[in-house]
């Protein structure tokens, strides 16, 4: 059976879950939440701003989304504390995502060789 007794001082110290550590983590989550809230406000404001070219508008929106996604992945998914293998998998995912987006956009180009009649 599991031991459901109250944690002793030695178990708290061994696992590093003291009151100070928990307050520090809660503070970190609140800061990240505030940053995500500000990012959402910036996203809404940027959607009303015309940057002169649709590509620049998309680039600004993607940059804001990448910053917000990085915050979520690093802090809420705890990737900031993970090993190098996780970063390798994340990098491979980003590489293939960018590659697939490039292929998709490239195939939409009317002068692409897949649209030429031979």
PDB file of N, CA and C in Angstrom:
ATOM      1  N   UNK A   1       0.828  -1.177   0.000  1.00  0.00           N
ATOM      2  CA  UNK A   1       0.000   0.000   0.000  1.00  0.00           C
ATOM      3  C   UNK A   1       0.876   1.245   0.000  1.00  0.00           C
ATOM      4  N   UNK A   2       0.343   2.294  -0.500  1.00  0.00           N
ATOM      5  CA  UNK A   2       1.085   3.545  -0.559  1.00  0.00           C
ATOM      6  C   UNK A   2       1.084   4.222   0.801  1.00  0.00           C
ATOM      7  N   UNK A   3       2.135   4.947   1.046  1.00  0.00           N
ATOM      8  CA  UNK A   3       2.260   5.690   2.298  1.00  0.00           C
ATOM      9  C   UNK A   3       1.691   7.088   2.076  1.00  0.00           C
ATOM     10  N   UNK A   4       0.548   7.374   2.679  1.00  0.00           N
ATOM     11  CA  UNK A   4      -0.108   8.662   2.495  1.00  0.00           C
ATOM     12  C   UNK A   4       0.076   9.582   3.689  1.00  0.00           C
ATOM     13  N   UNK A   5       1.126   9.371   4.434  1.00  0.00           N
ATOM     14  CA  UNK A   5       1.367  10.224   5.592  1.00  0.00           C
ATOM     15  C   UNK A   5       1.897  11.575   5.143  1.00  0.00           C
ATOM     16  N   UNK A   6       1.852  12.518   6.013  1.00  0.00           N
ATOM     17  CA  UNK A   6       2.320  13.864   5.701  1.00  0.00           C
ATOM     18  C   UNK A   6       3.815  13.844   5.434  1.00  0.00           C
ATOM     19  N   UNK A   7       4.280  14.660   4.483  1.00  0.00           N
ATOM     20  CA  UNK A   7       5.709  14.674   4.170  1.00  0.00           C
ATOM     21  C   UNK A   7       6.522  15.192   5.342  1.00  0.00           C
ATOM     22  N   UNK A   8       7.629  14.544   5.565  1.00  0.00           N
ATOM     23  CA  UNK A   8       8.525  14.987   6.627  1.00  0.00           C
ATOM     24  C   UNK A   8       9.497  16.004   6.073  1.00  0.00           C
ATOM     25  N   UNK A   9      10.243  16.624   6.957  1.00  0.00           N
ATOM     26  CA  UNK A   9      11.220  17.631   6.543  1.00  0.00           C
ATOM     27  C   UNK A   9      12.269  17.022   5.622  1.00  0.00           C
ATOM     28  N   UNK A  10      12.668  15.797   5.881  1.00  0.00           N
ATOM     29  CA  UNK A  10      13.703  15.173   5.058  1.00  0.00           C
ATOM     30  C   UNK A  10      13.190  14.877   3.651  1.00  0.00           C
ATOM     31  N   UNK A  11      11.901  14.461   3.505  1.00  0.00           N
ATOM     32  CA  UNK A  11      11.384  14.191   2.165  1.00  0.00           C
ATOM     33  C   UNK A  11      11.163  15.478   1.398  1.00  0.00           C
ATOM     34  N   UNK A  12      10.769  16.535   2.080  1.00  0.00           N
ATOM     35  CA  UNK A  12      10.599  17.830   1.416  1.00  0.00           C
ATOM     36  C   UNK A  12      11.942  18.345   0.946  1.00  0.00           C
ATOM     37  N   UNK A  13      12.962  18.237   1.766  1.00  0.00           N
ATOM     38  CA  UNK A  13      14.291  18.722   1.402  1.00  0.00           C
ATOM     39  C   UNK A  13      14.881  17.887   0.272  1.00  0.00           C
ATOM     40  N   UNK A  14      14.617  16.566   0.295  1.00  0.00           N
ATOM     41  CA  UNK A  14      15.177  15.688  -0.724  1.00  0.00           C
ATOM     42  C   UNK A  14      14.573  15.968  -2.096  1.00  0.00           C
ATOM     43  N   UNK A  15      13.309  16.342  -2.138  1.00  0.00           N
ATOM     44  CA  UNK A  15      12.645  16.586  -3.410  1.00  0.00           C
ATOM     45  C   UNK A  15      12.621  18.059  -3.795  1.00  0.00           C
ATOM     46  N   UNK A  16      13.045  18.927  -2.933  1.00  0.00           N
ATOM     47  CA  UNK A  16      13.119  20.348  -3.262  1.00  0.00           C
ATOM     48  C   UNK A  16      11.768  21.005  -3.441  1.00  0.00           C
ATOM     49  N   UNK A  17      10.771  20.583  -2.680  1.00  0.00           N
ATOM     50  CA  UNK A  17       9.441  21.156  -2.812  1.00  0.00           C
ATOM     51  C   UNK A  17       9.076  21.973  -1.585  1.00  0.00           C
ATOM     52  N   UNK A  18       9.968  22.811  -1.158  1.00  0.00           N
ATOM     53  CA  UNK A  18       9.676  23.653  -0.008  1.00  0.00           C
ATOM     54  C   UNK A  18       8.741  24.777  -0.392  1.00  0.00           C
ATOM     55  N   UNK A  19       8.243  25.476   0.590  1.00  0.00           N
ATOM     56  CA  UNK A  19       7.304  26.572   0.346  1.00  0.00           C
ATOM     57  C   UNK A  19       7.943  27.661  -0.511  1.00  0.00           C
ATOM     58  N   UNK A  20       9.223  27.920  -0.290  1.00  0.00           N
ATOM     59  CA  UNK A  20       9.907  28.950  -1.074  1.00  0.00           C
ATOM     60  C   UNK A  20       9.995  28.538  -2.539  1.00  0.00           C
ATOM     61  N   UNK A  21      10.287  27.254  -2.794  1.00  0.00           N
ATOM     62  CA  UNK A  21      10.382  26.771  -4.173  1.00  0.00           C
ATOM     63  C   UNK A  21       9.036  26.836  -4.885  1.00  0.00           C
ATOM     64  N   UNK A  22       7.982  26.493  -4.178  1.00  0.00           N
ATOM     65  CA  UNK A  22       6.654  26.523  -4.787  1.00  0.00           C
ATOM     66  C   UNK A  22       6.246  27.960  -5.093  1.00  0.00           C
ATOM     67  N   UNK A  23       6.511  28.877  -4.175  1.00  0.00           N
ATOM     68  CA  UNK A  23       6.203  30.290  -4.431  1.00  0.00           C
ATOM     69  C   UNK A  23       6.991  30.815  -5.621  1.00  0.00           C
ATOM     70  N   UNK A  24       8.223  30.368  -5.765  1.00  0.00           N
ATOM     71  CA  UNK A  24       9.060  30.789  -6.889  1.00  0.00           C
ATOM     72  C   UNK A  24       8.472  30.278  -8.212  1.00  0.00           C
ATOM     73  N   UNK A  25       8.007  29.027  -8.219  1.00  0.00           N
ATOM     74  CA  UNK A  25       7.410  28.455  -9.427  1.00  0.00           C
ATOM     75  C   UNK A  25       6.090  29.135  -9.775  1.00  0.00           C
ATOM     76  N   UNK A  26       5.270  29.410  -8.772  1.00  0.00           N
ATOM     77  CA  UNK A  26       3.998  30.096  -9.020  1.00  0.00           C
ATOM     78  C   UNK A  26       4.260  31.484  -9.590  1.00  0.00           C
ATOM     79  N   UNK A  27       5.251  32.159  -9.057  1.00  0.00           N
ATOM     80  CA  UNK A  27       5.613  33.492  -9.568  1.00  0.00           C
ATOM     81  C   UNK A  27       6.060  33.397 -11.029  1.00  0.00           C
ATOM     82  N   UNK A  28       6.836  32.363 -11.349  1.00  0.00           N
ATOM     83  CA  UNK A  28       7.302  32.172 -12.730  1.00  0.00           C
ATOM     84  C   UNK A  28       6.115  31.939 -13.664  1.00  0.00           C
ATOM     85  N   UNK A  29       5.165  31.098 -13.236  1.00  0.00           N
ATOM     86  CA  UNK A  29       3.989  30.843 -14.069  1.00  0.00           C
ATOM     87  C   UNK A  29       3.156  32.100 -14.257  1.00  0.00           C
ATOM     88  N   UNK A  30       3.044  32.920 -13.233  1.00  0.00           N
ATOM     89  CA  UNK A  30       2.283  34.166 -13.367  1.00  0.00           C
ATOM     90  C   UNK A  30       2.962  35.141 -14.320  1.00  0.00           C
ATOM     91  N   UNK A  31       4.289  35.181 -14.295  1.00  0.00           N
ATOM     92  CA  UNK A  31       5.019  36.042 -15.235  1.00  0.00           C
ATOM     93  C   UNK A  31       4.821  35.556 -16.666  1.00  0.00           C
ATOM     94  N   UNK A  32       4.895  34.244 -16.874  1.00  0.00           N
ATOM     95  CA  UNK A  32       4.676  33.693 -18.212  1.00  0.00           C
ATOM     96  C   UNK A  32       3.239  33.957 -18.658  1.00  0.00           C
ATOM     97  N   UNK A  33       2.285  33.799 -17.741  1.00  0.00           N
ATOM     98  CA  UNK A  33       0.887  34.102 -18.069  1.00  0.00           C
ATOM     99  C   UNK A  33       0.732  35.563 -18.487  1.00  0.00           C
ATOM    100  N   UNK A  34       1.371  36.463 -17.764  1.00  0.00           N
ATOM    101  CA  UNK A  34       1.296  37.886 -18.112  1.00  0.00           C
ATOM    102  C   UNK A  34       1.922  38.137 -19.486  1.00  0.00           C
ATOM    103  N   UNK A  35       3.041  37.468 -19.765  1.00  0.00           N
ATOM    104  CA  UNK A  35       3.681  37.623 -21.074  1.00  0.00           C
ATOM    105  C   UNK A  35       2.777  37.096 -22.186  1.00  0.00           C
ATOM    106  N   UNK A  36       2.092  35.983 -21.951  1.00  0.00           N
ATOM    107  CA  UNK A  36       1.166  35.450 -22.952  1.00  0.00           C
ATOM    108  C   UNK A  36      -0.034  36.372 -23.136  1.00  0.00           C
ATOM    109  N   UNK A  37      -0.490  36.969 -22.060  1.00  0.00           N
ATOM    110  CA  UNK A  37      -1.598  37.919 -22.145  1.00  0.00           C
ATOM    111  C   UNK A  37      -1.185  39.148 -22.957  1.00  0.00           C
ATOM    112  N   UNK A  38       0.006  39.653 -22.690  1.00  0.00           N
ATOM    113  CA  UNK A  38       0.516  40.785 -23.465  1.00  0.00           C
ATOM    114  C   UNK A  38       0.705  40.388 -24.924  1.00  0.00           C
ATOM    115  N   UNK A  39       1.197  39.177 -25.154  1.00  0.00           N
ATOM    116  CA  UNK A  39       1.353  38.683 -26.521  1.00  0.00           C
ATOM    117  C   UNK A  39       0.032  38.597 -27.256  1.00  0.00           C
ATOM    118  N   UNK A  40      -1.015  38.198 -26.562  1.00  0.00           N
ATOM    119  CA  UNK A  40      -2.340  38.135 -27.177  1.00  0.00           C
ATOM    120  C   UNK A  40      -2.843  39.528 -27.533  1.00  0.00           C
ATOM    121  N   UNK A  41      -2.621  40.481 -26.644  1.00  0.00           N
ATOM    122  CA  UNK A  41      -3.018  41.868 -26.928  1.00  0.00           C
ATOM    123  C   UNK A  41      -2.236  42.413 -28.123  1.00  0.00           C
ATOM    124  N   UNK A  42      -0.934  42.124 -28.167  1.00  0.00           N
ATOM    125  CA  UNK A  42      -0.107  42.573 -29.298  1.00  0.00           C
ATOM    126  C   UNK A  42      -0.590  41.914 -30.590  1.00  0.00           C
ATOM    127  N   UNK A  43      -0.983  40.651 -30.525  1.00  0.00           N
ATOM    128  CA  UNK A  43      -1.499  39.955 -31.708  1.00  0.00           C
ATOM    129  C   UNK A  43      -2.761  40.632 -32.226  1.00  0.00           C
ATOM    130  N   UNK A  44      -3.671  40.956 -31.323  1.00  0.00           N
ATOM    131  CA  UNK A  44      -4.918  41.616 -31.737  1.00  0.00           C
ATOM    132  C   UNK A  44      -4.625  42.989 -32.319  1.00  0.00           C
ATOM    133  N   UNK A  45      -3.754  43.749 -31.679  1.00  0.00           N
ATOM    134  CA  UNK A  45      -3.412  45.079 -32.197  1.00  0.00           C
ATOM    135  C   UNK A  45      -2.705  44.988 -33.543  1.00  0.00           C
ATOM    136  N   UNK A  46      -1.836  44.004 -33.707  1.00  0.00           N
ATOM    137  CA  UNK A  46      -1.113  43.842 -34.974  1.00  0.00           C
ATOM    138  C   UNK A  46      -2.054  43.421 -36.096  1.00  0.00           C
ATOM    139  N   UNK A  47      -3.147  42.737 -35.763  1.00  0.00           N
ATOM    140  CA  UNK A  47      -4.078  42.314 -36.808  1.00  0.00           C
ATOM    141  C   UNK A  47      -4.810  43.505 -37.427  1.00  0.00           C
ATOM    142  N   UNK A  48      -4.909  44.607 -36.694  1.00  0.00           N
ATOM    143  CA  UNK A  48      -5.559  45.804 -37.230  1.00  0.00           C
ATOM    144  C   UNK A  48      -4.590  46.725 -37.955  1.00  0.00           C
ATOM    145  N   UNK A  49      -3.303  46.477 -37.840  1.00  0.00           N
ATOM    146  CA  UNK A  49      -2.275  47.324 -38.455  1.00  0.00           C
ATOM    147  C   UNK A  49      -1.895  46.765 -39.817  1.00  0.00           C
ATOM    148  N   UNK A  50      -1.844  47.630 -40.816  1.00  0.00           N
ATOM    149  CA  UNK A  50      -1.396  47.232 -42.143  1.00  0.00           C
ATOM    150  C   UNK A  50       0.082  47.575 -42.267  1.00  0.00           C
ATOM    151  N   UNK A  51       0.900  46.569 -42.469  1.00  0.00           N
ATOM    152  CA  UNK A  51       2.344  46.773 -42.572  1.00  0.00           C
ATOM    153  C   UNK A  51       2.808  46.990 -44.006  1.00  0.00           C
ATOM    154  N   UNK A  52       1.885  47.160 -44.927  1.00  0.00           N
ATOM    155  CA  UNK A  52       2.240  47.507 -46.292  1.00  0.00           C
ATOM    156  C   UNK A  52       2.197  46.347 -47.266  1.00  0.00           C
ATOM    157  N   UNK A  53       2.455  45.153 -46.810  1.00  0.00           N
ATOM    158  CA  UNK A  53       2.460  43.989 -47.683  1.00  0.00           C
ATOM    159  C   UNK A  53       1.902  42.805 -46.896  1.00  0.00           C
ATOM    160  N   UNK A  54       1.072  41.986 -47.535  1.00  0.00           N
ATOM    161  CA  UNK A  54       0.503  40.843 -46.806  1.00  0.00           C
ATOM    162  C   UNK A  54       1.571  39.894 -46.244  1.00  0.00           C
ATOM    163  N   UNK A  55       2.688  39.766 -46.934  1.00  0.00           N
ATOM    164  CA  UNK A  55       3.757  38.903 -46.448  1.00  0.00           C
ATOM    165  C   UNK A  55       4.349  39.400 -45.137  1.00  0.00           C
ATOM    166  N   UNK A  56       4.452  40.709 -45.003  1.00  0.00           N
ATOM    167  CA  UNK A  56       4.975  41.287 -43.758  1.00  0.00           C
ATOM    168  C   UNK A  56       3.956  41.088 -42.636  1.00  0.00           C
ATOM    169  N   UNK A  57       2.670  41.258 -42.962  1.00  0.00           N
ATOM    170  CA  UNK A  57       1.629  41.014 -41.953  1.00  0.00           C
ATOM    171  C   UNK A  57       1.686  39.574 -41.447  1.00  0.00           C
ATOM    172  N   UNK A  58       1.843  38.628 -42.367  1.00  0.00           N
ATOM    173  CA  UNK A  58       1.927  37.221 -41.982  1.00  0.00           C
ATOM    174  C   UNK A  58       3.195  36.970 -41.173  1.00  0.00           C
ATOM    175  N   UNK A  59       4.303  37.578 -41.584  1.00  0.00           N
ATOM    176  CA  UNK A  59       5.559  37.411 -40.857  1.00  0.00           C
ATOM    177  C   UNK A  59       5.472  37.918 -39.420  1.00  0.00           C
ATOM    178  N   UNK A  60       4.840  39.068 -39.237  1.00  0.00           N
ATOM    179  CA  UNK A  60       4.672  39.622 -37.885  1.00  0.00           C
ATOM    180  C   UNK A  60       3.789  38.701 -37.044  1.00  0.00           C
ATOM    181  N   UNK A  61       2.700  38.220 -37.638  1.00  0.00           N
ATOM    182  CA  UNK A  61       1.796  37.319 -36.908  1.00  0.00           C
ATOM    183  C   UNK A  61       2.511  36.017 -36.538  1.00  0.00           C
ATOM    184  N   UNK A  62       3.306  35.473 -37.462  1.00  0.00           N
ATOM    185  CA  UNK A  62       4.043  34.243 -37.175  1.00  0.00           C
ATOM    186  C   UNK A  62       5.102  34.463 -36.100  1.00  0.00           C
ATOM    187  N   UNK A  63       5.764  35.600 -36.140  1.00  0.00           N
ATOM    188  CA  UNK A  63       6.773  35.881 -35.113  1.00  0.00           C
ATOM    189  C   UNK A  63       6.143  35.933 -33.722  1.00  0.00           C
ATOM    190  N   UNK A  64       5.015  36.627 -33.613  1.00  0.00           N
ATOM    191  CA  UNK A  64       4.327  36.711 -32.325  1.00  0.00           C
ATOM    192  C   UNK A  64       3.873  35.320 -31.883  1.00  0.00           C
ATOM    193  N   UNK A  65       3.344  34.531 -32.822  1.00  0.00           N
ATOM    194  CA  UNK A  65       2.876  33.181 -32.490  1.00  0.00           C
ATOM    195  C   UNK A  65       4.038  32.285 -32.060  1.00  0.00           C
ATOM    196  N   UNK A  66       5.195  32.427 -32.704  1.00  0.00           N
ATOM    197  CA  UNK A  66       6.361  31.617 -32.333  1.00  0.00           C
ATOM    198  C   UNK A  66       6.841  31.972 -30.938  1.00  0.00           C
ATOM    199  N   UNK A  67       6.851  33.256 -30.609  1.00  0.00           N
ATOM    200  CA  UNK A  67       7.261  33.674 -29.265  1.00  0.00           C
ATOM    201  C   UNK A  67       6.306  33.101 -28.222  1.00  0.00           C
ATOM    202  N   UNK A  68       5.006  33.187 -28.481  1.00  0.00           N
ATOM    203  CA  UNK A  68       4.029  32.664 -27.528  1.00  0.00           C
ATOM    204  C   UNK A  68       4.110  31.143 -27.423  1.00  0.00           C
ATOM    205  N   UNK A  69       4.288  30.455 -28.545  1.00  0.00           N
ATOM    206  CA  UNK A  69       4.405  28.997 -28.526  1.00  0.00           C
ATOM    207  C   UNK A  69       5.669  28.556 -27.793  1.00  0.00           C
ATOM    208  N   UNK A  70       6.745  29.326 -27.941  1.00  0.00           N
ATOM    209  CA  UNK A  70       7.980  29.011 -27.227  1.00  0.00           C
ATOM    210  C   UNK A  70       7.784  29.143 -25.723  1.00  0.00           C
ATOM    211  N   UNK A  71       7.099  30.179 -25.295  1.00  0.00           N
ATOM    212  CA  UNK A  71       6.814  30.335 -23.868  1.00  0.00           C
ATOM    213  C   UNK A  71       5.991  29.167 -23.333  1.00  0.00           C
ATOM    214  N   UNK A  72       4.966  28.772 -24.076  1.00  0.00           N
ATOM    215  CA  UNK A  72       4.126  27.656 -23.636  1.00  0.00           C
ATOM    216  C   UNK A  72       4.932  26.367 -23.585  1.00  0.00           C
ATOM    217  N   UNK A  73       5.702  26.099 -24.636  1.00  0.00           N
ATOM    218  CA  UNK A  73       6.476  24.854 -24.681  1.00  0.00           C
ATOM    219  C   UNK A  73       7.547  24.822 -23.600  1.00  0.00           C
ATOM    220  N   UNK A  74       8.227  25.931 -23.384  1.00  0.00           N
ATOM    221  CA  UNK A  74       9.323  25.941 -22.416  1.00  0.00           C
ATOM    222  C   UNK A  74       8.837  25.847 -20.979  1.00  0.00           C
ATOM    223  N   UNK A  75       7.793  26.560 -20.640  1.00  0.00           N
ATOM    224  CA  UNK A  75       7.404  26.638 -19.237  1.00  0.00           C
ATOM    225  C   UNK A  75       6.255  25.705 -18.876  1.00  0.00           C
ATOM    226  N   UNK A  76       5.185  25.691 -19.669  1.00  0.00           N
ATOM    227  CA  UNK A  76       4.042  24.864 -19.308  1.00  0.00           C
ATOM    228  C   UNK A  76       4.252  23.400 -19.682  1.00  0.00           C
ATOM    229  N   UNK A  77       5.045  23.126 -20.723  1.00  0.00           N
ATOM    230  CA  UNK A  77       5.352  21.747 -21.087  1.00  0.00           C
ATOM    231  C   UNK A  77       6.693  21.307 -20.499  1.00  0.00           C
ATOM    232  N   UNK A  78       7.332  22.172 -19.748  1.00  0.00           N
ATOM    233  CA  UNK A  78       8.576  21.894 -19.021  1.00  0.00           C
ATOM    234  C   UNK A  78       9.727  21.497 -19.935  1.00  0.00           C
ATOM    235  N   UNK A  79       9.751  21.989 -21.169  1.00  0.00           N
ATOM    236  CA  UNK A  79      10.850  21.673 -22.077  1.00  0.00           C
ATOM    237  C   UNK A  79      12.125  22.415 -21.713  1.00  0.00           C
ATOM    238  N   UNK A  80      12.028  23.455 -20.916  1.00  0.00           N
ATOM    239  CA  UNK A  80      13.199  24.232 -20.549  1.00  0.00           C
ATOM    240  C   UNK A  80      14.134  23.420 -19.652  1.00  0.00           C
ATOM    241  N   UNK A  81      13.594  22.388 -18.988  1.00  0.00           N
ATOM    242  CA  UNK A  81      14.398  21.561 -18.094  1.00  0.00           C
ATOM    243  C   UNK A  81      14.764  20.210 -18.701  1.00  0.00           C
ATOM    244  N   UNK A  82      14.397  19.971 -19.953  1.00  0.00           N
ATOM    245  CA  UNK A  82      14.606  18.658 -20.551  1.00  0.00           C
ATOM    246  C   UNK A  82      16.012  18.494 -21.100  1.00  0.00           C
ATOM    247  N   UNK A  83      16.287  17.273 -21.511  1.00  0.00           N
ATOM    248  CA  UNK A  83      17.602  16.923 -22.048  1.00  0.00           C
ATOM    249  C   UNK A  83      17.712  17.313 -23.512  1.00  0.00           C
ATOM    250  N   UNK A  84      18.889  17.069 -24.056  1.00  0.00           N
ATOM    251  CA  UNK A  84      19.160  17.447 -25.445  1.00  0.00           C
ATOM    252  C   UNK A  84      18.329  16.642 -26.433  1.00  0.00           C
ATOM    253  N   UNK A  85      17.934  15.428 -26.091  1.00  0.00           N
ATOM    254  CA  UNK A  85      17.129  14.612 -26.995  1.00  0.00           C
ATOM    255  C   UNK A  85      15.814  15.308 -27.329  1.00  0.00           C
ATOM    256  N   UNK A  86      15.207  15.937 -26.342  1.00  0.00           N
ATOM    257  CA  UNK A  86      13.947  16.646 -26.573  1.00  0.00           C
ATOM    258  C   UNK A  86      14.166  17.788 -27.555  1.00  0.00           C
ATOM    259  N   UNK A  87      15.281  18.505 -27.401  1.00  0.00           N
ATOM    260  CA  UNK A  87      15.566  19.600 -28.325  1.00  0.00           C
ATOM    261  C   UNK A  87      15.828  19.074 -29.733  1.00  0.00           C
ATOM    262  N   UNK A  88      16.437  17.905 -29.834  1.00  0.00           N
ATOM    263  CA  UNK A  88      16.652  17.299 -31.145  1.00  0.00           C
ATOM    264  C   UNK A  88      15.342  16.951 -31.822  1.00  0.00           C
ATOM    265  N   UNK A  89      14.427  16.364 -31.074  1.00  0.00           N
ATOM    266  CA  UNK A  89      13.120  16.016 -31.625  1.00  0.00           C
ATOM    267  C   UNK A  89      12.356  17.283 -31.994  1.00  0.00           C
ATOM    268  N   UNK A  90      12.415  18.283 -31.140  1.00  0.00           N
ATOM    269  CA  UNK A  90      11.742  19.548 -31.429  1.00  0.00           C
ATOM    270  C   UNK A  90      12.342  20.220 -32.669  1.00  0.00           C
ATOM    271  N   UNK A  91      13.653  20.182 -32.808  1.00  0.00           N
ATOM    272  CA  UNK A  91      14.312  20.764 -33.984  1.00  0.00           C
ATOM    273  C   UNK A  91      13.932  20.018 -35.259  1.00  0.00           C
ATOM    274  N   UNK A  92      13.888  18.692 -35.181  1.00  0.00           N
ATOM    275  CA  UNK A  92      13.488  17.908 -36.352  1.00  0.00           C
ATOM    276  C   UNK A  92      12.054  18.225 -36.748  1.00  0.00           C
ATOM    277  N   UNK A  93      11.182  18.368 -35.771  1.00  0.00           N
ATOM    278  CA  UNK A  93       9.790  18.716 -36.052  1.00  0.00           C
ATOM    279  C   UNK A  93       9.704  20.075 -36.735  1.00  0.00           C
ATOM    280  N   UNK A  94      10.434  21.052 -36.216  1.00  0.00           N
ATOM    281  CA  UNK A  94      10.437  22.389 -36.828  1.00  0.00           C
ATOM    282  C   UNK A  94      11.009  22.338 -38.244  1.00  0.00           C
ATOM    283  N   UNK A  95      12.078  21.564 -38.447  1.00  0.00           N
ATOM    284  CA  UNK A  95      12.698  21.438 -39.772  1.00  0.00           C
ATOM    285  C   UNK A  95      11.700  20.883 -40.785  1.00  0.00           C
ATOM    286  N   UNK A  96      11.033  19.791 -40.431  1.00  0.00           N
ATOM    287  CA  UNK A  96      10.087  19.191 -41.355  1.00  0.00           C
ATOM    288  C   UNK A  96       8.857  20.070 -41.555  1.00  0.00           C
ATOM    289  N   UNK A  97       8.417  20.781 -40.532  1.00  0.00           N
ATOM    290  CA  UNK A  97       7.295  21.702 -40.686  1.00  0.00           C
ATOM    291  C   UNK A  97       7.645  22.804 -41.678  1.00  0.00           C
ATOM    292  N   UNK A  98       8.825  23.392 -41.514  1.00  0.00           N
ATOM    293  CA  UNK A  98       9.255  24.452 -42.441  1.00  0.00           C
ATOM    294  C   UNK A  98       9.384  23.897 -43.853  1.00  0.00           C
ATOM    295  N   UNK A  99       9.947  22.701 -43.967  1.00  0.00           N
ATOM    296  CA  UNK A  99      10.080  22.079 -45.291  1.00  0.00           C
ATOM    297  C   UNK A  99       8.749  21.831 -45.956  1.00  0.00           C
ATOM    298  N   UNK A 100       7.782  21.328 -45.209  1.00  0.00           N
ATOM    299  CA  UNK A 100       6.461  21.078 -45.777  1.00  0.00           C
ATOM    300  C   UNK A 100       5.749  22.376 -46.148  1.00  0.00           C
ATOM    301  N   UNK A 101       5.930  23.412 -45.340  1.00  0.00           N
ATOM    302  CA  UNK A 101       5.334  24.702 -45.690  1.00  0.00           C
ATOM    303  C   UNK A 101       5.974  25.268 -46.955  1.00  0.00           C
ATOM    304  N   UNK A 102       7.286  25.089 -47.093  1.00  0.00           N
ATOM    305  CA  UNK A 102       7.974  25.558 -48.299  1.00  0.00           C
ATOM    306  C   UNK A 102       7.458  24.810 -49.519  1.00  0.00           C
ATOM    307  N   UNK A 103       7.341  23.494 -49.411  1.00  0.00           N
ATOM    308  CA  UNK A 103       6.847  22.708 -50.542  1.00  0.00           C
ATOM    309  C   UNK A 103       5.423  23.120 -50.901  1.00  0.00           C
ATOM    310  N   UNK A 104       4.605  23.359 -49.899  1.00  0.00           N
ATOM    311  CA  UNK A 104       3.225  23.773 -50.150  1.00  0.00           C
ATOM    312  C   UNK A 104       3.189  25.115 -50.876  1.00  0.00           C
ATOM    313  N   UNK A 105       3.940  26.084 -50.388  1.00  0.00           N
ATOM    314  CA  UNK A 105       3.952  27.402 -51.037  1.00  0.00           C
ATOM    315  C   UNK A 105       4.586  27.338 -52.415  1.00  0.00           C
ATOM    316  N   UNK A 106       5.630  26.535 -52.559  1.00  0.00           N
ATOM    317  CA  UNK A 106       6.305  26.392 -53.846  1.00  0.00           C
ATOM    318  C   UNK A 106       5.376  25.768 -54.872  1.00  0.00           C
ATOM    319  N   UNK A 107       4.563  24.800 -54.462  1.00  0.00           N
ATOM    320  CA  UNK A 107       3.658  24.132 -55.406  1.00  0.00           C
ATOM    321  C   UNK A 107       2.524  25.046 -55.843  1.00  0.00           C
ATOM    322  N   UNK A 108       2.254  26.095 -55.089  1.00  0.00           N
ATOM    323  CA  UNK A 108       1.195  27.031 -55.460  1.00  0.00           C
ATOM    324  C   UNK A 108       1.679  28.048 -56.489  1.00  0.00           C
ATOM    325  N   UNK A 109       2.970  28.140 -56.701  1.00  0.00           N
ATOM    326  CA  UNK A 109       3.543  29.064 -57.678  1.00  0.00           C
ATOM    327  C   UNK A 109       3.155  28.602 -59.079  1.00  0.00           C
ATOM    328  N   UNK A 110       2.548  29.472 -59.882  1.00  0.00           N
ATOM    329  CA  UNK A 110       2.102  29.051 -61.218  1.00  0.00           C
ATOM    330  C   UNK A 110       3.244  28.630 -62.135  1.00  0.00           C
ATOM    331  N   UNK A 111       4.434  29.167 -61.935  1.00  0.00           N
ATOM    332  CA  UNK A 111       5.550  28.831 -62.805  1.00  0.00           C
ATOM    333  C   UNK A 111       6.351  27.631 -62.298  1.00  0.00           C
ATOM    334  N   UNK A 112       5.879  26.987 -61.275  1.00  0.00           N
ATOM    335  CA  UNK A 112       6.542  25.811 -60.735  1.00  0.00           C
ATOM    336  C   UNK A 112       6.520  24.701 -61.776  1.00  0.00           C
ATOM    337  N   UNK A 113       7.542  23.848 -61.788  1.00  0.00           N
ATOM    338  CA  UNK A 113       7.634  22.825 -62.816  1.00  0.00           C
ATOM    339  C   UNK A 113       6.507  21.803 -62.726  1.00  0.00           C
ATOM    340  N   UNK A 114       5.830  21.689 -61.594  1.00  0.00           N
ATOM    341  CA  UNK A 114       4.736  20.728 -61.519  1.00  0.00           C
ATOM    342  C   UNK A 114       3.486  21.256 -62.236  1.00  0.00           C
ATOM    343  N   UNK A 115       3.453  22.548 -62.549  1.00  0.00           N
ATOM    344  CA  UNK A 115       2.314  23.123 -63.273  1.00  0.00           C
ATOM    345  C   UNK A 115       2.600  23.261 -64.767  1.00  0.00           C
ATOM    346  N   UNK A 116       3.831  23.074 -65.188  1.00  0.00           N
ATOM    347  CA  UNK A 116       4.179  23.201 -66.611  1.00  0.00           C
ATOM    348  C   UNK A 116       3.731  21.954 -67.374  1.00  0.00           C
ATOM    349  N   UNK A 117       3.243  22.189 -68.578  1.00  0.00           N
ATOM    350  CA  UNK A 117       2.858  21.054 -69.416  1.00  0.00           C
ATOM    351  C   UNK A 117       4.061  20.681 -70.253  1.00  0.00           C
ATOM    352  N   UNK A 118       4.336  19.413 -70.279  1.00  0.00           N
ATOM    353  CA  UNK A 118       5.529  18.919 -71.023  1.00  0.00           C
ATOM    354  C   UNK A 118       5.147  18.505 -72.410  1.00  0.00           C
TER     355      UNK A 118
END
